[in-house]
Amino acid sequence: MGPAVLILLSLVAGAAVVASRTGVAVRVIRTIDQRGGLFAPRGARLYAKVAPRILRGLYRRVADDLVVRVGSHPSPTIVDLGSGPGELAIELARRLPAARVIGVDPAPAMRDAAARAAMLAGVATAAFVHGEAGAIPLPDASADFLVSTLSMHHWPDPAAALREIARVLRPGGEALIYDARFVTYGDGELRRYAAHAGIDDRTVAREVLPWGLARPYALVTMR
């Protein structure tokens, strides 16, 4: 899904939720998106061209957050789940040269765009592999941090995704999942998915990020 469409859908969904307080509109939008493949594969090429420009501010904010959390860790492994055109993974590799950054994305067009961008940027510590939220191609307990931007509402099986994230994180690891506020999953849904995944729901938290007047983003953390 292109950023302009995502913003429009977010606004429509937000208005519907405020008006009805049922969240039905949000679930309909998610279902159309997940089943129609608007984000990938259909919209992958357009998104890969547009997202780095429109979402650069978000990527920088996320990179800032990761740098703080990494702190003095000598050589962390960071997974960017739903890495898209690679803008965030490349930014993380630049700022954390000792880190191993692995971008995971199901769309070949996204991975190709990311690999080209990394090569042009002279970044050799970021790799991009095929995978998705419900099937992350990494061994158990192999990642120190996992980050995801604007992909959670695309996940067709959030419980499976949470289970996979918990599997690949090392003890003490942390996941930071940023999504559009009005279409991502709510507190009750997250608790239910965590229970289905066999995860203690106290390890999953959601907050709305301070971000101007609109506050368009939410952050889900897993520890």
N, C-alpha and C. Protein backbone atom coordinates (compact mmCIF):
# COMPACT_ATOMS: atom_id res chain seq x y z
N MET A 1 0.84 -1.19 0.00
CA MET A 1 0.00 0.00 0.00
C MET A 1 0.88 1.24 0.00
N GLY A 2 0.59 2.22 -0.87
CA GLY A 2 1.38 3.43 -0.90
C GLY A 2 1.12 4.29 0.32
N PRO A 3 2.09 5.13 0.72
CA PRO A 3 1.93 5.97 1.90
C PRO A 3 0.71 6.87 1.85
N ALA A 4 0.43 7.46 0.67
CA ALA A 4 -0.73 8.34 0.57
C ALA A 4 -2.03 7.58 0.83
N VAL A 5 -2.11 6.36 0.29
CA VAL A 5 -3.29 5.55 0.52
C VAL A 5 -3.38 5.15 1.99
N LEU A 6 -2.24 4.81 2.59
CA LEU A 6 -2.21 4.44 4.00
C LEU A 6 -2.70 5.58 4.87
N ILE A 7 -2.22 6.79 4.60
CA ILE A 7 -2.64 7.95 5.39
C ILE A 7 -4.13 8.18 5.24
N LEU A 8 -4.64 8.08 3.99
CA LEU A 8 -6.06 8.27 3.75
C LEU A 8 -6.89 7.24 4.50
N LEU A 9 -6.48 5.97 4.39
CA LEU A 9 -7.20 4.91 5.08
C LEU A 9 -7.15 5.10 6.59
N SER A 10 -6.00 5.57 7.09
CA SER A 10 -5.87 5.80 8.53
C SER A 10 -6.85 6.87 8.99
N LEU A 11 -6.96 7.94 8.21
CA LEU A 11 -7.88 9.02 8.58
C LEU A 11 -9.32 8.54 8.55
N VAL A 12 -9.66 7.78 7.50
CA VAL A 12 -11.03 7.26 7.40
C VAL A 12 -11.33 6.33 8.55
N ALA A 13 -10.38 5.43 8.84
CA ALA A 13 -10.59 4.49 9.93
C ALA A 13 -10.71 5.20 11.26
N GLY A 14 -9.86 6.22 11.48
CA GLY A 14 -9.92 6.96 12.73
C GLY A 14 -11.26 7.64 12.91
N ALA A 15 -11.76 8.26 11.85
CA ALA A 15 -13.06 8.91 11.93
C ALA A 15 -14.16 7.91 12.22
N ALA A 16 -14.08 6.74 11.59
CA ALA A 16 -15.10 5.72 11.81
C ALA A 16 -15.08 5.20 13.24
N VAL A 17 -13.88 5.03 13.79
CA VAL A 17 -13.78 4.52 15.16
C VAL A 17 -14.34 5.54 16.14
N VAL A 18 -13.99 6.80 15.94
CA VAL A 18 -14.50 7.84 16.84
C VAL A 18 -16.02 7.91 16.77
N ALA A 19 -16.55 7.78 15.55
CA ALA A 19 -18.00 7.89 15.38
C ALA A 19 -18.74 6.69 15.94
N SER A 20 -18.24 5.50 15.70
CA SER A 20 -18.99 4.30 16.05
C SER A 20 -18.53 3.61 17.32
N ARG A 21 -17.24 3.82 17.66
CA ARG A 21 -16.61 3.19 18.82
C ARG A 21 -16.68 1.65 18.76
N THR A 22 -16.79 1.12 17.56
CA THR A 22 -16.86 -0.33 17.43
C THR A 22 -15.59 -0.92 16.83
N GLY A 23 -14.83 -0.12 16.08
CA GLY A 23 -13.64 -0.62 15.42
C GLY A 23 -13.93 -1.48 14.21
N VAL A 24 -15.20 -1.58 13.78
CA VAL A 24 -15.55 -2.43 12.63
C VAL A 24 -14.85 -1.92 11.37
N ALA A 25 -14.83 -0.61 11.17
CA ALA A 25 -14.21 -0.05 9.97
C ALA A 25 -12.74 -0.40 9.89
N VAL A 26 -12.06 -0.38 11.03
CA VAL A 26 -10.64 -0.72 11.05
C VAL A 26 -10.44 -2.16 10.62
N ARG A 27 -11.26 -3.06 11.13
CA ARG A 27 -11.11 -4.47 10.79
C ARG A 27 -11.40 -4.71 9.31
N VAL A 28 -12.35 -3.98 8.75
CA VAL A 28 -12.66 -4.11 7.32
C VAL A 28 -11.47 -3.66 6.48
N ILE A 29 -10.87 -2.53 6.86
CA ILE A 29 -9.72 -2.01 6.12
C ILE A 29 -8.56 -3.00 6.18
N ARG A 30 -8.31 -3.54 7.37
CA ARG A 30 -7.22 -4.51 7.50
C ARG A 30 -7.46 -5.73 6.61
N THR A 31 -8.69 -6.22 6.61
CA THR A 31 -9.01 -7.42 5.84
C THR A 31 -8.82 -7.18 4.34
N ILE A 32 -9.31 -6.03 3.86
CA ILE A 32 -9.15 -5.70 2.44
C ILE A 32 -7.67 -5.62 2.08
N ASP A 33 -6.90 -4.98 2.95
CA ASP A 33 -5.48 -4.82 2.71
C ASP A 33 -4.76 -6.17 2.70
N GLN A 34 -5.02 -7.00 3.70
CA GLN A 34 -4.32 -8.28 3.83
C GLN A 34 -4.67 -9.23 2.71
N ARG A 35 -5.94 -9.27 2.33
CA ARG A 35 -6.37 -10.21 1.29
C ARG A 35 -6.10 -9.71 -0.12
N GLY A 36 -6.09 -8.39 -0.28
CA GLY A 36 -5.93 -7.83 -1.62
C GLY A 36 -4.49 -7.64 -2.05
N GLY A 37 -3.55 -7.74 -1.11
CA GLY A 37 -2.15 -7.57 -1.47
C GLY A 37 -1.82 -6.18 -1.96
N LEU A 38 -2.51 -5.15 -1.41
CA LEU A 38 -2.26 -3.79 -1.87
C LEU A 38 -0.85 -3.34 -1.56
N PHE A 39 -0.32 -3.81 -0.43
CA PHE A 39 1.03 -3.43 -0.02
C PHE A 39 2.07 -4.27 -0.76
N ALA A 40 1.86 -5.55 -0.79
CA ALA A 40 2.77 -6.47 -1.48
C ALA A 40 1.97 -7.71 -1.85
N PRO A 41 2.12 -8.16 -3.10
CA PRO A 41 3.11 -7.70 -4.09
C PRO A 41 2.66 -6.54 -4.96
N ARG A 42 1.37 -6.21 -4.99
CA ARG A 42 0.87 -5.26 -5.99
C ARG A 42 1.51 -3.88 -5.86
N GLY A 43 1.58 -3.37 -4.65
CA GLY A 43 2.07 -2.01 -4.48
C GLY A 43 3.53 -1.91 -4.13
N ALA A 44 4.27 -3.02 -4.21
CA ALA A 44 5.64 -3.03 -3.71
C ALA A 44 6.55 -2.07 -4.47
N ARG A 45 6.48 -2.05 -5.78
CA ARG A 45 7.39 -1.22 -6.56
C ARG A 45 7.13 0.27 -6.30
N LEU A 46 5.86 0.66 -6.27
CA LEU A 46 5.54 2.06 -6.01
C LEU A 46 5.95 2.45 -4.60
N TYR A 47 5.66 1.58 -3.64
CA TYR A 47 6.01 1.87 -2.25
C TYR A 47 7.53 2.02 -2.10
N ALA A 48 8.28 1.16 -2.78
CA ALA A 48 9.73 1.22 -2.69
C ALA A 48 10.28 2.54 -3.21
N LYS A 49 9.59 3.17 -4.14
CA LYS A 49 10.04 4.44 -4.69
C LYS A 49 9.62 5.62 -3.81
N VAL A 50 8.42 5.54 -3.23
CA VAL A 50 7.86 6.69 -2.53
C VAL A 50 8.19 6.72 -1.05
N ALA A 51 8.16 5.56 -0.40
CA ALA A 51 8.30 5.50 1.06
C ALA A 51 9.56 6.16 1.60
N PRO A 52 10.74 5.95 0.99
CA PRO A 52 11.93 6.57 1.57
C PRO A 52 11.84 8.08 1.70
N ARG A 53 11.10 8.73 0.81
CA ARG A 53 10.96 10.18 0.89
C ARG A 53 9.92 10.58 1.93
N ILE A 54 8.74 9.97 1.86
CA ILE A 54 7.64 10.39 2.72
C ILE A 54 7.85 9.98 4.18
N LEU A 55 8.47 8.83 4.39
CA LEU A 55 8.59 8.28 5.75
C LEU A 55 9.97 8.48 6.36
N ARG A 56 10.78 9.32 5.78
CA ARG A 56 12.15 9.49 6.29
C ARG A 56 12.15 9.97 7.74
N GLY A 57 11.22 10.85 8.09
CA GLY A 57 11.15 11.34 9.47
C GLY A 57 10.87 10.22 10.45
N LEU A 58 9.97 9.30 10.09
CA LEU A 58 9.68 8.16 10.95
C LEU A 58 10.91 7.27 11.08
N TYR A 59 11.58 6.99 9.98
CA TYR A 59 12.75 6.12 10.02
C TYR A 59 13.83 6.71 10.93
N ARG A 60 14.01 8.02 10.86
CA ARG A 60 15.02 8.65 11.70
C ARG A 60 14.63 8.57 13.17
N ARG A 61 13.35 8.75 13.47
CA ARG A 61 12.89 8.64 14.85
C ARG A 61 13.13 7.21 15.38
N VAL A 62 12.81 6.23 14.56
CA VAL A 62 13.00 4.84 14.97
C VAL A 62 14.49 4.55 15.17
N ALA A 63 15.33 5.03 14.27
CA ALA A 63 16.77 4.84 14.41
C ALA A 63 17.28 5.48 15.69
N ASP A 64 16.78 6.67 16.01
CA ASP A 64 17.15 7.32 17.27
C ASP A 64 16.81 6.42 18.46
N ASP A 65 15.60 5.87 18.44
CA ASP A 65 15.15 5.01 19.54
C ASP A 65 16.04 3.77 19.66
N LEU A 66 16.38 3.17 18.53
CA LEU A 66 17.21 1.97 18.55
C LEU A 66 18.61 2.26 19.08
N VAL A 67 19.19 3.37 18.65
CA VAL A 67 20.54 3.72 19.10
C VAL A 67 20.57 3.86 20.62
N VAL A 68 19.55 4.50 21.18
CA VAL A 68 19.48 4.64 22.64
C VAL A 68 19.39 3.28 23.30
N ARG A 69 18.55 2.41 22.77
CA ARG A 69 18.36 1.09 23.39
C ARG A 69 19.59 0.19 23.24
N VAL A 70 20.26 0.29 22.10
CA VAL A 70 21.45 -0.52 21.90
C VAL A 70 22.54 -0.13 22.90
N GLY A 71 22.67 1.17 23.14
CA GLY A 71 23.63 1.64 24.13
C GLY A 71 25.03 1.14 23.85
N SER A 72 25.62 0.45 24.82
CA SER A 72 27.00 -0.01 24.69
C SER A 72 27.10 -1.46 24.24
N HIS A 73 26.02 -2.03 23.76
CA HIS A 73 26.07 -3.41 23.27
C HIS A 73 27.15 -3.50 22.19
N PRO A 74 28.09 -4.44 22.29
CA PRO A 74 29.24 -4.44 21.38
C PRO A 74 28.90 -4.73 19.92
N SER A 75 28.06 -5.70 19.65
CA SER A 75 27.77 -6.06 18.25
C SER A 75 26.38 -6.69 18.17
N PRO A 76 25.33 -5.89 18.28
CA PRO A 76 23.98 -6.44 18.29
C PRO A 76 23.53 -6.93 16.93
N THR A 77 22.64 -7.93 16.95
CA THR A 77 21.93 -8.35 15.75
C THR A 77 20.56 -7.71 15.78
N ILE A 78 20.24 -6.95 14.74
CA ILE A 78 18.97 -6.21 14.67
C ILE A 78 18.19 -6.70 13.46
N VAL A 79 16.95 -7.10 13.68
CA VAL A 79 16.08 -7.55 12.60
C VAL A 79 15.08 -6.44 12.27
N ASP A 80 15.00 -6.08 11.00
CA ASP A 80 14.00 -5.13 10.53
C ASP A 80 12.93 -5.95 9.81
N LEU A 81 11.81 -6.18 10.49
CA LEU A 81 10.75 -7.04 9.98
C LEU A 81 9.79 -6.22 9.11
N GLY A 82 9.67 -6.62 7.84
CA GLY A 82 8.92 -5.81 6.89
C GLY A 82 9.78 -4.63 6.47
N SER A 83 11.01 -4.93 6.04
CA SER A 83 12.01 -3.88 5.83
C SER A 83 11.76 -3.02 4.60
N GLY A 84 10.86 -3.44 3.72
CA GLY A 84 10.50 -2.61 2.58
C GLY A 84 11.70 -2.20 1.76
N PRO A 85 11.81 -0.92 1.38
CA PRO A 85 12.90 -0.48 0.52
C PRO A 85 14.23 -0.30 1.23
N GLY A 86 14.30 -0.65 2.52
CA GLY A 86 15.58 -0.71 3.21
C GLY A 86 16.06 0.57 3.85
N GLU A 87 15.27 1.62 3.80
CA GLU A 87 15.71 2.91 4.33
C GLU A 87 16.11 2.82 5.80
N LEU A 88 15.27 2.18 6.61
CA LEU A 88 15.57 2.08 8.04
C LEU A 88 16.77 1.18 8.29
N ALA A 89 16.82 0.03 7.65
CA ALA A 89 17.94 -0.89 7.85
C ALA A 89 19.26 -0.23 7.50
N ILE A 90 19.28 0.53 6.42
CA ILE A 90 20.51 1.21 6.01
C ILE A 90 20.87 2.29 7.02
N GLU A 91 19.89 3.03 7.50
CA GLU A 91 20.15 4.06 8.52
C GLU A 91 20.72 3.44 9.79
N LEU A 92 20.17 2.30 10.20
CA LEU A 92 20.68 1.61 11.39
C LEU A 92 22.11 1.13 11.17
N ALA A 93 22.39 0.60 9.99
CA ALA A 93 23.74 0.12 9.70
C ALA A 93 24.74 1.27 9.71
N ARG A 94 24.32 2.44 9.23
CA ARG A 94 25.19 3.61 9.25
C ARG A 94 25.50 4.03 10.68
N ARG A 95 24.46 4.10 11.50
CA ARG A 95 24.63 4.62 12.86
C ARG A 95 25.27 3.61 13.80
N LEU A 96 25.10 2.33 13.50
CA LEU A 96 25.62 1.28 14.37
C LEU A 96 26.52 0.36 13.54
N PRO A 97 27.71 0.81 13.21
CA PRO A 97 28.56 0.06 12.28
C PRO A 97 28.98 -1.32 12.79
N ALA A 98 28.91 -1.53 14.11
CA ALA A 98 29.27 -2.85 14.65
C ALA A 98 28.09 -3.81 14.65
N ALA A 99 26.90 -3.32 14.30
CA ALA A 99 25.70 -4.15 14.33
C ALA A 99 25.57 -4.99 13.06
N ARG A 100 24.90 -6.11 13.20
CA ARG A 100 24.48 -6.92 12.06
C ARG A 100 23.00 -6.63 11.85
N VAL A 101 22.64 -6.07 10.71
CA VAL A 101 21.26 -5.68 10.43
C VAL A 101 20.70 -6.61 9.36
N ILE A 102 19.55 -7.23 9.67
CA ILE A 102 18.92 -8.17 8.74
C ILE A 102 17.51 -7.66 8.41
N GLY A 103 17.30 -7.29 7.16
CA GLY A 103 15.98 -6.90 6.71
C GLY A 103 15.22 -8.11 6.21
N VAL A 104 13.98 -8.26 6.68
CA VAL A 104 13.14 -9.40 6.29
C VAL A 104 11.90 -8.85 5.58
N ASP A 105 11.66 -9.30 4.36
CA ASP A 105 10.50 -8.80 3.61
C ASP A 105 10.05 -9.88 2.62
N PRO A 106 8.72 -10.01 2.41
CA PRO A 106 8.22 -11.04 1.49
C PRO A 106 8.27 -10.64 0.02
N ALA A 107 8.45 -9.35 -0.28
CA ALA A 107 8.32 -8.88 -1.66
C ALA A 107 9.68 -8.76 -2.34
N PRO A 108 9.90 -9.49 -3.45
CA PRO A 108 11.18 -9.39 -4.16
C PRO A 108 11.51 -7.96 -4.58
N ALA A 109 10.50 -7.19 -5.01
CA ALA A 109 10.75 -5.81 -5.44
C ALA A 109 11.30 -4.97 -4.31
N MET A 110 10.80 -5.20 -3.10
CA MET A 110 11.29 -4.46 -1.93
C MET A 110 12.73 -4.85 -1.64
N ARG A 111 13.01 -6.16 -1.62
CA ARG A 111 14.36 -6.61 -1.29
C ARG A 111 15.36 -6.14 -2.34
N ASP A 112 14.97 -6.17 -3.60
CA ASP A 112 15.87 -5.71 -4.66
C ASP A 112 16.17 -4.22 -4.50
N ALA A 113 15.13 -3.44 -4.22
CA ALA A 113 15.33 -2.00 -4.02
C ALA A 113 16.22 -1.74 -2.81
N ALA A 114 16.02 -2.50 -1.75
CA ALA A 114 16.83 -2.33 -0.54
C ALA A 114 18.29 -2.68 -0.80
N ALA A 115 18.53 -3.78 -1.50
CA ALA A 115 19.90 -4.20 -1.79
C ALA A 115 20.62 -3.16 -2.65
N ARG A 116 19.91 -2.60 -3.63
CA ARG A 116 20.51 -1.55 -4.48
C ARG A 116 20.83 -0.32 -3.66
N ALA A 117 19.89 0.07 -2.79
CA ALA A 117 20.11 1.27 -1.97
C ALA A 117 21.29 1.07 -1.01
N ALA A 118 21.42 -0.13 -0.45
CA ALA A 118 22.54 -0.41 0.45
C ALA A 118 23.87 -0.35 -0.30
N MET A 119 23.88 -0.87 -1.50
CA MET A 119 25.11 -0.85 -2.31
C MET A 119 25.50 0.58 -2.64
N LEU A 120 24.52 1.40 -3.05
CA LEU A 120 24.79 2.79 -3.39
C LEU A 120 25.26 3.58 -2.17
N ALA A 121 24.75 3.19 -0.99
CA ALA A 121 25.14 3.89 0.24
C ALA A 121 26.45 3.38 0.80
N GLY A 122 27.02 2.34 0.20
CA GLY A 122 28.26 1.78 0.69
C GLY A 122 28.11 1.06 2.00
N VAL A 123 26.91 0.51 2.27
CA VAL A 123 26.64 -0.19 3.52
C VAL A 123 26.76 -1.69 3.27
N ALA A 124 27.68 -2.33 3.98
CA ALA A 124 27.92 -3.76 3.79
C ALA A 124 27.40 -4.60 4.94
N THR A 125 26.92 -3.98 6.00
CA THR A 125 26.49 -4.74 7.18
C THR A 125 24.98 -4.94 7.25
N ALA A 126 24.27 -4.60 6.19
CA ALA A 126 22.83 -4.83 6.11
C ALA A 126 22.54 -5.84 5.02
N ALA A 127 21.82 -6.90 5.37
CA ALA A 127 21.43 -7.93 4.41
C ALA A 127 19.92 -8.01 4.36
N PHE A 128 19.37 -8.42 3.22
CA PHE A 128 17.93 -8.46 3.03
C PHE A 128 17.52 -9.86 2.56
N VAL A 129 16.62 -10.48 3.32
CA VAL A 129 16.26 -11.87 3.05
C VAL A 129 14.74 -12.01 2.93
N HIS A 130 14.34 -13.09 2.27
CA HIS A 130 12.91 -13.38 2.11
C HIS A 130 12.35 -13.94 3.42
N GLY A 131 11.18 -13.43 3.80
CA GLY A 131 10.51 -13.93 4.99
C GLY A 131 9.31 -13.05 5.29
N GLU A 132 8.56 -13.45 6.28
CA GLU A 132 7.39 -12.67 6.68
C GLU A 132 7.21 -12.80 8.19
N ALA A 133 6.24 -12.05 8.72
CA ALA A 133 6.09 -11.98 10.17
C ALA A 133 5.81 -13.34 10.80
N GLY A 134 5.06 -14.18 10.11
CA GLY A 134 4.74 -15.49 10.66
C GLY A 134 5.77 -16.56 10.39
N ALA A 135 6.83 -16.21 9.66
CA ALA A 135 7.89 -17.18 9.34
C ALA A 135 9.19 -16.41 9.15
N ILE A 136 9.81 -16.04 10.25
CA ILE A 136 11.06 -15.27 10.21
C ILE A 136 12.21 -16.26 10.00
N PRO A 137 13.01 -16.08 8.96
CA PRO A 137 14.03 -17.08 8.61
C PRO A 137 15.32 -16.95 9.43
N LEU A 138 15.17 -17.02 10.75
CA LEU A 138 16.31 -16.91 11.65
C LEU A 138 16.22 -17.98 12.73
N PRO A 139 17.36 -18.40 13.28
CA PRO A 139 17.33 -19.40 14.35
C PRO A 139 16.72 -18.84 15.64
N ASP A 140 16.39 -19.75 16.52
CA ASP A 140 15.89 -19.35 17.84
C ASP A 140 16.94 -18.50 18.55
N ALA A 141 16.44 -17.50 19.31
CA ALA A 141 17.30 -16.68 20.18
C ALA A 141 18.53 -16.15 19.44
N SER A 142 18.29 -15.57 18.26
CA SER A 142 19.41 -15.08 17.45
C SER A 142 19.44 -13.57 17.29
N ALA A 143 18.42 -12.85 17.76
CA ALA A 143 18.34 -11.41 17.57
C ALA A 143 18.30 -10.68 18.91
N ASP A 144 19.04 -9.59 18.99
CA ASP A 144 19.02 -8.76 20.20
C ASP A 144 17.87 -7.76 20.16
N PHE A 145 17.57 -7.27 18.97
CA PHE A 145 16.49 -6.31 18.79
C PHE A 145 15.74 -6.64 17.50
N LEU A 146 14.46 -6.38 17.52
CA LEU A 146 13.64 -6.49 16.31
C LEU A 146 12.83 -5.21 16.20
N VAL A 147 12.80 -4.66 15.01
CA VAL A 147 12.04 -3.44 14.76
C VAL A 147 11.16 -3.65 13.55
N SER A 148 10.01 -3.00 13.55
CA SER A 148 9.10 -3.08 12.41
C SER A 148 8.39 -1.74 12.27
N THR A 149 8.24 -1.28 11.03
CA THR A 149 7.57 0.00 10.80
C THR A 149 6.44 -0.16 9.79
N LEU A 150 5.26 0.20 10.21
CA LEU A 150 4.07 0.25 9.34
C LEU A 150 3.78 -1.07 8.65
N SER A 151 4.04 -2.18 9.33
CA SER A 151 3.71 -3.47 8.73
C SER A 151 2.78 -4.31 9.59
N MET A 152 2.64 -3.99 10.87
CA MET A 152 1.89 -4.86 11.76
C MET A 152 0.45 -5.06 11.29
N HIS A 153 -0.19 -4.00 10.81
CA HIS A 153 -1.59 -4.15 10.40
C HIS A 153 -1.73 -4.98 9.13
N HIS A 154 -0.61 -5.27 8.46
CA HIS A 154 -0.64 -6.15 7.28
C HIS A 154 -0.57 -7.62 7.68
N TRP A 155 -0.18 -7.92 8.91
CA TRP A 155 0.03 -9.31 9.31
C TRP A 155 -1.29 -10.06 9.35
N PRO A 156 -1.46 -11.11 8.55
CA PRO A 156 -2.73 -11.85 8.54
C PRO A 156 -2.93 -12.71 9.78
N ASP A 157 -1.83 -13.06 10.48
CA ASP A 157 -1.93 -13.89 11.68
C ASP A 157 -1.04 -13.28 12.77
N PRO A 158 -1.55 -12.26 13.47
CA PRO A 158 -0.72 -11.57 14.47
C PRO A 158 -0.22 -12.49 15.58
N ALA A 159 -1.02 -13.48 15.98
CA ALA A 159 -0.57 -14.39 17.03
C ALA A 159 0.67 -15.15 16.58
N ALA A 160 0.66 -15.65 15.34
CA ALA A 160 1.83 -16.36 14.81
C ALA A 160 3.03 -15.43 14.73
N ALA A 161 2.78 -14.16 14.37
CA ALA A 161 3.88 -13.20 14.28
C ALA A 161 4.50 -12.94 15.66
N LEU A 162 3.66 -12.75 16.67
CA LEU A 162 4.18 -12.52 18.01
C LEU A 162 4.97 -13.75 18.49
N ARG A 163 4.47 -14.93 18.17
CA ARG A 163 5.18 -16.15 18.56
C ARG A 163 6.56 -16.22 17.89
N GLU A 164 6.62 -15.85 16.62
CA GLU A 164 7.88 -15.86 15.90
C GLU A 164 8.86 -14.82 16.46
N ILE A 165 8.33 -13.65 16.77
CA ILE A 165 9.19 -12.61 17.33
C ILE A 165 9.78 -13.06 18.66
N ALA A 166 8.93 -13.65 19.51
CA ALA A 166 9.41 -14.16 20.79
C ALA A 166 10.46 -15.26 20.58
N ARG A 167 10.28 -16.05 19.54
CA ARG A 167 11.22 -17.15 19.27
C ARG A 167 12.60 -16.63 18.89
N VAL A 168 12.66 -15.62 18.02
CA VAL A 168 13.97 -15.19 17.51
C VAL A 168 14.69 -14.24 18.45
N LEU A 169 13.97 -13.62 19.40
CA LEU A 169 14.64 -12.72 20.34
C LEU A 169 15.45 -13.49 21.36
N ARG A 170 16.63 -13.00 21.66
CA ARG A 170 17.44 -13.57 22.72
C ARG A 170 16.85 -13.16 24.08
N PRO A 171 17.16 -13.88 25.14
CA PRO A 171 16.77 -13.44 26.49
C PRO A 171 17.27 -12.02 26.73
N GLY A 172 16.36 -11.16 27.16
CA GLY A 172 16.71 -9.76 27.34
C GLY A 172 16.54 -8.92 26.10
N GLY A 173 16.17 -9.56 24.98
CA GLY A 173 15.97 -8.82 23.74
C GLY A 173 14.68 -8.03 23.75
N GLU A 174 14.51 -7.18 22.75
CA GLU A 174 13.35 -6.30 22.72
C GLU A 174 12.88 -6.09 21.29
N ALA A 175 11.56 -6.05 21.10
CA ALA A 175 10.96 -5.73 19.81
C ALA A 175 10.26 -4.38 19.90
N LEU A 176 10.46 -3.56 18.88
CA LEU A 176 9.82 -2.25 18.78
C LEU A 176 9.02 -2.25 17.48
N ILE A 177 7.71 -2.24 17.60
CA ILE A 177 6.84 -2.37 16.43
C ILE A 177 6.04 -1.08 16.28
N TYR A 178 6.39 -0.29 15.28
CA TYR A 178 5.73 1.00 15.03
C TYR A 178 4.68 0.80 13.94
N ASP A 179 3.50 1.37 14.15
CA ASP A 179 2.46 1.22 13.14
C ASP A 179 1.57 2.45 13.11
N ALA A 180 0.77 2.55 12.06
CA ALA A 180 -0.20 3.64 11.97
C ALA A 180 -1.24 3.47 13.08
N ARG A 181 -1.45 4.49 13.83
CA ARG A 181 -2.25 4.40 15.06
C ARG A 181 -3.65 3.87 14.83
N PHE A 182 -4.32 4.33 13.78
CA PHE A 182 -5.74 4.03 13.63
C PHE A 182 -6.03 2.69 12.96
N VAL A 183 -5.01 2.03 12.43
CA VAL A 183 -5.28 0.74 11.81
C VAL A 183 -4.54 -0.41 12.49
N THR A 184 -3.68 -0.11 13.43
CA THR A 184 -2.98 -1.17 14.12
C THR A 184 -3.88 -1.81 15.17
N TYR A 185 -3.37 -2.83 15.82
CA TYR A 185 -4.17 -3.60 16.77
C TYR A 185 -4.22 -2.89 18.12
N GLY A 186 -5.37 -3.00 18.78
CA GLY A 186 -5.58 -2.36 20.07
C GLY A 186 -5.11 -3.22 21.22
N ASP A 187 -5.21 -2.67 22.43
CA ASP A 187 -4.72 -3.36 23.62
C ASP A 187 -5.41 -4.72 23.81
N GLY A 188 -6.72 -4.74 23.67
CA GLY A 188 -7.45 -6.00 23.85
C GLY A 188 -7.07 -7.04 22.82
N GLU A 189 -6.92 -6.61 21.58
CA GLU A 189 -6.52 -7.54 20.52
C GLU A 189 -5.12 -8.08 20.79
N LEU A 190 -4.21 -7.22 21.22
CA LEU A 190 -2.85 -7.67 21.49
C LEU A 190 -2.81 -8.67 22.63
N ARG A 191 -3.59 -8.43 23.68
CA ARG A 191 -3.65 -9.40 24.78
C ARG A 191 -4.15 -10.75 24.30
N ARG A 192 -5.17 -10.72 23.43
CA ARG A 192 -5.73 -11.96 22.91
C ARG A 192 -4.72 -12.70 22.03
N TYR A 193 -4.02 -11.96 21.17
CA TYR A 193 -3.03 -12.60 20.30
C TYR A 193 -1.86 -13.14 21.12
N ALA A 194 -1.45 -12.41 22.14
CA ALA A 194 -0.36 -12.90 23.00
C ALA A 194 -0.76 -14.20 23.68
N ALA A 195 -2.00 -14.26 24.15
CA ALA A 195 -2.48 -15.49 24.80
C ALA A 195 -2.48 -16.65 23.81
N HIS A 196 -2.94 -16.40 22.58
CA HIS A 196 -2.96 -17.45 21.56
C HIS A 196 -1.53 -17.91 21.21
N ALA A 197 -0.58 -16.98 21.32
CA ALA A 197 0.81 -17.31 20.99
C ALA A 197 1.54 -17.95 22.16
N GLY A 198 0.87 -18.04 23.31
CA GLY A 198 1.53 -18.60 24.49
C GLY A 198 2.52 -17.65 25.13
N ILE A 199 2.28 -16.34 24.96
CA ILE A 199 3.18 -15.31 25.48
C ILE A 199 2.50 -14.60 26.65
N ASP A 200 3.24 -14.31 27.68
CA ASP A 200 2.72 -13.54 28.80
C ASP A 200 2.36 -12.15 28.30
N ASP A 201 1.08 -11.79 28.38
CA ASP A 201 0.67 -10.51 27.80
C ASP A 201 1.26 -9.31 28.54
N ARG A 202 1.85 -9.54 29.71
CA ARG A 202 2.50 -8.43 30.42
C ARG A 202 3.80 -8.02 29.75
N THR A 203 4.30 -8.85 28.84
CA THR A 203 5.53 -8.50 28.11
C THR A 203 5.23 -7.68 26.86
N VAL A 204 3.95 -7.47 26.55
CA VAL A 204 3.54 -6.72 25.36
C VAL A 204 2.83 -5.45 25.81
N ALA A 205 3.26 -4.31 25.30
CA ALA A 205 2.66 -3.03 25.69
C ALA A 205 2.45 -2.16 24.45
N ARG A 206 1.45 -1.31 24.50
CA ARG A 206 1.14 -0.41 23.38
C ARG A 206 1.02 1.01 23.89
N GLU A 207 1.55 1.96 23.14
CA GLU A 207 1.41 3.37 23.49
C GLU A 207 1.28 4.19 22.21
N VAL A 208 0.61 5.32 22.32
CA VAL A 208 0.52 6.27 21.21
C VAL A 208 1.71 7.21 21.33
N LEU A 209 2.46 7.38 20.25
CA LEU A 209 3.67 8.18 20.30
C LEU A 209 3.36 9.67 20.22
N PRO A 210 4.00 10.48 21.03
CA PRO A 210 3.90 11.93 20.84
C PRO A 210 4.49 12.30 19.49
N TRP A 211 3.68 12.92 18.64
CA TRP A 211 4.16 13.22 17.27
C TRP A 211 3.26 14.31 16.69
N GLY A 212 3.47 15.53 17.08
CA GLY A 212 2.64 16.62 16.58
C GLY A 212 1.21 16.51 17.08
N LEU A 213 0.32 17.25 16.44
CA LEU A 213 -1.07 17.27 16.89
C LEU A 213 -1.83 16.01 16.51
N ALA A 214 -1.50 15.42 15.36
CA ALA A 214 -2.26 14.26 14.87
C ALA A 214 -1.90 12.98 15.61
N ARG A 215 -0.66 12.87 16.08
CA ARG A 215 -0.17 11.65 16.72
C ARG A 215 -0.54 10.40 15.90
N PRO A 216 0.03 10.26 14.70
CA PRO A 216 -0.42 9.21 13.78
C PRO A 216 0.13 7.82 14.08
N TYR A 217 1.12 7.70 14.98
CA TYR A 217 1.80 6.42 15.16
C TYR A 217 1.60 5.85 16.57
N ALA A 218 1.55 4.52 16.60
CA ALA A 218 1.54 3.79 17.87
C ALA A 218 2.78 2.91 17.91
N LEU A 219 3.23 2.60 19.13
CA LEU A 219 4.39 1.74 19.32
C LEU A 219 3.99 0.56 20.21
N VAL A 220 4.22 -0.64 19.68
CA VAL A 220 4.01 -1.87 20.46
C VAL A 220 5.39 -2.42 20.80
N THR A 221 5.63 -2.66 22.08
CA THR A 221 6.92 -3.21 22.50
C THR A 221 6.71 -4.61 23.04
N MET A 222 7.72 -5.45 22.84
CA MET A 222 7.75 -6.81 23.37
C MET A 222 9.10 -7.05 23.98
N ARG A 223 9.10 -7.59 25.20
CA ARG A 223 10.38 -7.87 25.88
C ARG A 223 10.39 -9.30 26.36
